[in-house]
C-alpha atoms as a PDB file:
ATOM      1  CA  UNK A   1      30.616   4.797  17.043  1.00  0.00           C
ATOM      2  CA  UNK A   2      28.619   6.243  13.911  1.00  0.00           C
ATOM      3  CA  UNK A   3      26.625   9.303  14.032  1.00  0.00           C
ATOM      4  CA  UNK A   4      23.768   9.450  12.339  1.00  0.00           C
ATOM      5  CA  UNK A   5      21.260  13.110  11.964  1.00  0.00           C
ATOM      6  CA  UNK A   6      17.572  12.700  11.031  1.00  0.00           C
ATOM      7  CA  UNK A   7      16.036  15.868   9.668  1.00  0.00           C
ATOM      8  CA  UNK A   8      12.591  16.863   9.302  1.00  0.00           C
ATOM      9  CA  UNK A   9      11.186  19.109   6.703  1.00  0.00           C
ATOM     10  CA  UNK A  10       7.219  21.474   6.841  1.00  0.00           C
ATOM     11  CA  UNK A  11       6.595  23.923   5.523  1.00  0.00           C
ATOM     12  CA  UNK A  12       4.798  26.864   8.114  1.00  0.00           C
ATOM     13  CA  UNK A  13       2.194  29.213   6.686  1.00  0.00           C
ATOM     14  CA  UNK A  14       0.734  32.117   9.067  1.00  0.00           C
ATOM     15  CA  UNK A  15      -2.772  30.978   8.733  1.00  0.00           C
ATOM     16  CA  UNK A  16      -5.263  28.463   5.875  1.00  0.00           C
ATOM     17  CA  UNK A  17      -5.734  31.064   3.715  1.00  0.00           C
ATOM     18  CA  UNK A  18      -2.008  31.657   2.604  1.00  0.00           C
ATOM     19  CA  UNK A  19      -2.406  28.065   1.060  1.00  0.00           C
ATOM     20  CA  UNK A  20      -3.614  27.087  -2.085  1.00  0.00           C
ATOM     21  CA  UNK A  21      -7.449  26.565  -3.053  1.00  0.00           C
ATOM     22  CA  UNK A  22      -7.784  23.368  -3.319  1.00  0.00           C
ATOM     23  CA  UNK A  23      -5.595  23.378   0.146  1.00  0.00           C
ATOM     24  CA  UNK A  24      -8.225  25.558   2.244  1.00  0.00           C
ATOM     25  CA  UNK A  25     -11.061  23.581   0.964  1.00  0.00           C
ATOM     26  CA  UNK A  26      -9.446  20.666   2.232  1.00  0.00           C
ATOM     27  CA  UNK A  27      -9.647  22.625   5.348  1.00  0.00           C
ATOM     28  CA  UNK A  28     -12.657  23.282   5.433  1.00  0.00           C
ATOM     29  CA  UNK A  29     -14.038  19.622   4.810  1.00  0.00           C
ATOM     30  CA  UNK A  30     -11.610  19.100   7.917  1.00  0.00           C
ATOM     31  CA  UNK A  31     -13.311  21.627   9.435  1.00  0.00           C
ATOM     32  CA  UNK A  32     -16.416  20.156   9.132  1.00  0.00           C
ATOM     33  CA  UNK A  33     -16.084  16.399   9.884  1.00  0.00           C
ATOM     34  CA  UNK A  34     -14.661  17.561  12.983  1.00  0.00           C
ATOM     35  CA  UNK A  35     -18.496  18.810  14.314  1.00  0.00           C
ATOM     36  CA  UNK A  36     -18.895  14.942  13.789  1.00  0.00           C
ATOM     37  CA  UNK A  37     -16.491  14.072  16.083  1.00  0.00           C
ATOM     38  CA  UNK A  38     -17.999  11.860  19.204  1.00  0.00           C
ATOM     39  CA  UNK A  39     -15.351  12.949  21.914  1.00  0.00           C
ATOM     40  CA  UNK A  40     -17.680  13.237  25.387  1.00  0.00           C
ATOM     41  CA  UNK A  41     -14.276  12.121  27.280  1.00  0.00           C
ATOM     42  CA  UNK A  42     -11.933  13.708  26.521  1.00  0.00           C
ATOM     43  CA  UNK A  43     -13.849  16.871  24.673  1.00  0.00           C
ATOM     44  CA  UNK A  44     -11.388  17.103  22.527  1.00  0.00           C
ATOM     45  CA  UNK A  45     -12.239  17.008  18.894  1.00  0.00           C
ATOM     46  CA  UNK A  46     -10.625  16.122  15.761  1.00  0.00           C
ATOM     47  CA  UNK A  47     -11.823  16.341  12.203  1.00  0.00           C
ATOM     48  CA  UNK A  48      -9.452  15.175   8.759  1.00  0.00           C
ATOM     49  CA  UNK A  49     -10.476  14.904   5.245  1.00  0.00           C
ATOM     50  CA  UNK A  50      -8.838  13.012   2.561  1.00  0.00           C
ATOM     51  CA  UNK A  51      -8.575  14.050  -0.956  1.00  0.00           C
ATOM     52  CA  UNK A  52      -8.273  11.453  -3.507  1.00  0.00           C
ATOM     53  CA  UNK A  53      -6.879  11.825  -6.777  1.00  0.00           C
ATOM     54  CA  UNK A  54     -10.615  12.077  -8.487  1.00  0.00           C
ATOM     55  CA  UNK A  55     -11.575  14.711  -6.577  1.00  0.00           C
ATOM     56  CA  UNK A  56     -13.389  12.854  -4.185  1.00  0.00           C
ATOM     57  CA  UNK A  57     -12.501  13.668  -0.032  1.00  0.00           C
ATOM     58  CA  UNK A  58     -13.557  11.813   2.450  1.00  0.00           C
ATOM     59  CA  UNK A  59     -14.132  12.662   6.508  1.00  0.00           C
ATOM     60  CA  UNK A  60     -13.151  11.318   9.910  1.00  0.00           C
ATOM     61  CA  UNK A  61     -13.569  12.307  13.456  1.00  0.00           C
ATOM     62  CA  UNK A  62     -12.855  11.208  16.168  1.00  0.00           C
ATOM     63  CA  UNK A  63     -15.444   8.590  17.685  1.00  0.00           C
ATOM     64  CA  UNK A  64     -14.741   7.819  21.933  1.00  0.00           C
ATOM     65  CA  UNK A  65     -16.315   4.995  23.694  1.00  0.00           C
ATOM     66  CA  UNK A  66     -16.346   4.306  27.039  1.00  0.00           C
ATOM     67  CA  UNK A  67     -14.865   1.481  26.538  1.00  0.00           C
ATOM     68  CA  UNK A  68     -11.468   3.062  26.068  1.00  0.00           C
ATOM     69  CA  UNK A  69      -9.880   1.600  24.232  1.00  0.00           C
ATOM     70  CA  UNK A  70     -12.379   1.456  21.510  1.00  0.00           C
ATOM     71  CA  UNK A  71     -12.264   4.025  19.959  1.00  0.00           C
ATOM     72  CA  UNK A  72     -10.478   5.993  17.029  1.00  0.00           C
ATOM     73  CA  UNK A  73      -8.466   9.225  16.228  1.00  0.00           C
ATOM     74  CA  UNK A  74     -10.758  11.210  13.062  1.00  0.00           C
ATOM     75  CA  UNK A  75      -7.299  10.199  11.379  1.00  0.00           C
ATOM     76  CA  UNK A  76      -7.581   6.349  10.845  1.00  0.00           C
ATOM     77  CA  UNK A  77     -11.540   6.669  10.459  1.00  0.00           C
ATOM     78  CA  UNK A  78     -10.769   8.472   7.463  1.00  0.00           C
ATOM     79  CA  UNK A  79      -7.818   5.983   6.222  1.00  0.00           C
ATOM     80  CA  UNK A  80      -9.684   2.836   6.869  1.00  0.00           C
ATOM     81  CA  UNK A  81     -12.801   4.072   5.345  1.00  0.00           C
ATOM     82  CA  UNK A  82     -11.056   4.609   2.111  1.00  0.00           C
ATOM     83  CA  UNK A  83      -8.663   1.836   2.097  1.00  0.00           C
ATOM     84  CA  UNK A  84     -12.478   0.046   2.721  1.00  0.00           C
ATOM     85  CA  UNK A  85     -13.983   1.727  -0.485  1.00  0.00           C
ATOM     86  CA  UNK A  86     -11.712   3.663  -2.830  1.00  0.00           C
ATOM     87  CA  UNK A  87      -8.676   1.701  -2.854  1.00  0.00           C
ATOM     88  CA  UNK A  88      -7.809   2.350  -6.395  1.00  0.00           C
ATOM     89  CA  UNK A  89      -8.353   5.701  -6.118  1.00  0.00           C
ATOM     90  CA  UNK A  90      -4.913   7.379  -3.900  1.00  0.00           C
ATOM     91  CA  UNK A  91      -4.885  10.036  -1.493  1.00  0.00           C
ATOM     92  CA  UNK A  92      -3.692  13.276  -2.904  1.00  0.00           C
ATOM     93  CA  UNK A  93      -4.085  15.094   0.623  1.00  0.00           C
ATOM     94  CA  UNK A  94      -4.866  14.840   3.968  1.00  0.00           C
ATOM     95  CA  UNK A  95      -5.807  17.984   6.006  1.00  0.00           C
ATOM     96  CA  UNK A  96      -6.490  17.523  10.111  1.00  0.00           C
ATOM     97  CA  UNK A  97      -7.410  19.511  12.599  1.00  0.00           C
ATOM     98  CA  UNK A  98      -9.013  20.317  16.295  1.00  0.00           C
ATOM     99  CA  UNK A  99     -10.470  21.533  19.349  1.00  0.00           C
ATOM    100  CA  UNK A 100     -11.354  21.694  22.281  1.00  0.00           C
ATOM    101  CA  UNK A 101     -13.316  24.431  24.290  1.00  0.00           C
ATOM    102  CA  UNK A 102     -11.169  23.151  27.565  1.00  0.00           C
ATOM    103  CA  UNK A 103      -8.130  25.214  26.495  1.00  0.00           C
ATOM    104  CA  UNK A 104      -6.574  27.017  23.203  1.00  0.00           C
ATOM    105  CA  UNK A 105      -3.918  25.080  20.921  1.00  0.00           C
ATOM    106  CA  UNK A 106      -1.887  27.369  19.529  1.00  0.00           C
ATOM    107  CA  UNK A 107      -0.404  25.061  17.604  1.00  0.00           C
ATOM    108  CA  UNK A 108      -1.271  22.200  14.659  1.00  0.00           C
ATOM    109  CA  UNK A 109      -1.698  18.774  16.499  1.00  0.00           C
ATOM    110  CA  UNK A 110       0.178  16.052  15.537  1.00  0.00           C
ATOM    111  CA  UNK A 111      -1.179  13.059  14.596  1.00  0.00           C
ATOM    112  CA  UNK A 112      -0.442   9.958  16.935  1.00  0.00           C
ATOM    113  CA  UNK A 113       1.948   7.277  16.533  1.00  0.00           C
ATOM    114  CA  UNK A 114      -0.819   4.650  15.611  1.00  0.00           C
ATOM    115  CA  UNK A 115      -2.785   7.070  13.036  1.00  0.00           C
ATOM    116  CA  UNK A 116       1.213   7.676  11.332  1.00  0.00           C
ATOM    117  CA  UNK A 117       1.509   4.071  11.377  1.00  0.00           C
ATOM    118  CA  UNK A 118      -1.676   3.500   9.052  1.00  0.00           C
ATOM    119  CA  UNK A 119      -1.152   6.436   7.044  1.00  0.00           C
ATOM    120  CA  UNK A 120       2.789   5.081   5.973  1.00  0.00           C
ATOM    121  CA  UNK A 121       0.907   1.760   5.104  1.00  0.00           C
ATOM    122  CA  UNK A 122      -1.661   3.765   2.999  1.00  0.00           C
ATOM    123  CA  UNK A 123       1.337   6.009   1.659  1.00  0.00           C
ATOM    124  CA  UNK A 124       3.081   2.127   0.772  1.00  0.00           C
ATOM    125  CA  UNK A 125      -0.027   0.747  -0.891  1.00  0.00           C
ATOM    126  CA  UNK A 126      -0.656   3.317  -3.973  1.00  0.00           C
ATOM    127  CA  UNK A 127       3.606   3.789  -3.420  1.00  0.00           C
ATOM    128  CA  UNK A 128       3.009   7.530  -2.854  1.00  0.00           C
ATOM    129  CA  UNK A 129       3.455  10.197  -0.377  1.00  0.00           C
ATOM    130  CA  UNK A 130       0.227  12.130   0.779  1.00  0.00           C
ATOM    131  CA  UNK A 131       0.540  15.663   1.733  1.00  0.00           C
ATOM    132  CA  UNK A 132      -0.249  16.283   4.911  1.00  0.00           C
ATOM    133  CA  UNK A 133      -2.028  19.649   6.821  1.00  0.00           C
ATOM    134  CA  UNK A 134      -1.843  20.188   9.873  1.00  0.00           C
ATOM    135  CA  UNK A 135      -4.040  23.330  11.409  1.00  0.00           C
ATOM    136  CA  UNK A 136      -6.168  24.788  13.784  1.00  0.00           C
ATOM    137  CA  UNK A 137      -8.565  27.622  14.132  1.00  0.00           C
ATOM    138  CA  UNK A 138      -6.427  30.721  13.680  1.00  0.00           C
ATOM    139  CA  UNK A 139      -3.740  29.747  14.275  1.00  0.00           C
ATOM    140  CA  UNK A 140      -0.360  28.513  11.540  1.00  0.00           C
ATOM    141  CA  UNK A 141      -0.608  25.885   8.981  1.00  0.00           C
ATOM    142  CA  UNK A 142       1.986  22.895   8.931  1.00  0.00           C
ATOM    143  CA  UNK A 143       2.270  21.477   5.679  1.00  0.00           C
ATOM    144  CA  UNK A 144       4.379  18.111   4.881  1.00  0.00           C
ATOM    145  CA  UNK A 145       4.955  15.929   2.025  1.00  0.00           C
ATOM    146  CA  UNK A 146       4.947  12.231   3.055  1.00  0.00           C
ATOM    147  CA  UNK A 147       4.468  10.060   6.558  1.00  0.00           C
ATOM    148  CA  UNK A 148       8.207   9.887   6.939  1.00  0.00           C
ATOM    149  CA  UNK A 149       8.788  14.121   8.043  1.00  0.00           C
ATOM    150  CA  UNK A 150       6.717  12.833  11.189  1.00  0.00           C
ATOM    151  CA  UNK A 151       8.340   8.917  11.445  1.00  0.00           C
ATOM    152  CA  UNK A 152      11.204   8.693  10.052  1.00  0.00           C
ATOM    153  CA  UNK A 153      12.050   5.059  11.594  1.00  0.00           C
ATOM    154  CA  UNK A 154       8.663   3.635  10.243  1.00  0.00           C
ATOM    155  CA  UNK A 155       7.690  -0.046  10.871  1.00  0.00           C
ATOM    156  CA  UNK A 156       7.797  -1.886   7.375  1.00  0.00           C
ATOM    157  CA  UNK A 157       8.673  -4.975   7.340  1.00  0.00           C
ATOM    158  CA  UNK A 158      11.146  -4.737   4.741  1.00  0.00           C
ATOM    159  CA  UNK A 159      13.288  -2.347   7.616  1.00  0.00           C
ATOM    160  CA  UNK A 160      13.520  -5.405   9.393  1.00  0.00           C
ATOM    161  CA  UNK A 161      16.931  -7.004   8.086  1.00  0.00           C
END
């Protein structure tokens, strides 16, 4: 038997105000994106903003549908828009935030497994990691460089053999 250990690495900041100006601005864009959330069923609004190498910012918000699971998470809305419209302009960073009136969010909300897998594919397509910034309201901010800290067992075909 061989024991293996997986470690993740992320930075925690007390608030968005501790981030550099570029990251703070991206967080503002994620909050703006969240305002376009269509979440009448879960009442859980999510916004994502992608900063591209060119400086362009792409927004995405979660979009629910009564014919569940026809909706889509904010991260995938933004990532698929990037892939369809700007695949030659690499993603530098992604900020994700969430809010609900149903209860208080005290810590950042991590992306779901489907969104993490899509982000992994985007990193692979552009051959570079994406800085991920997760935050909510006045709570702490979690920052990681690349998807492997969130999804250490990525599903890629080269890992199947």
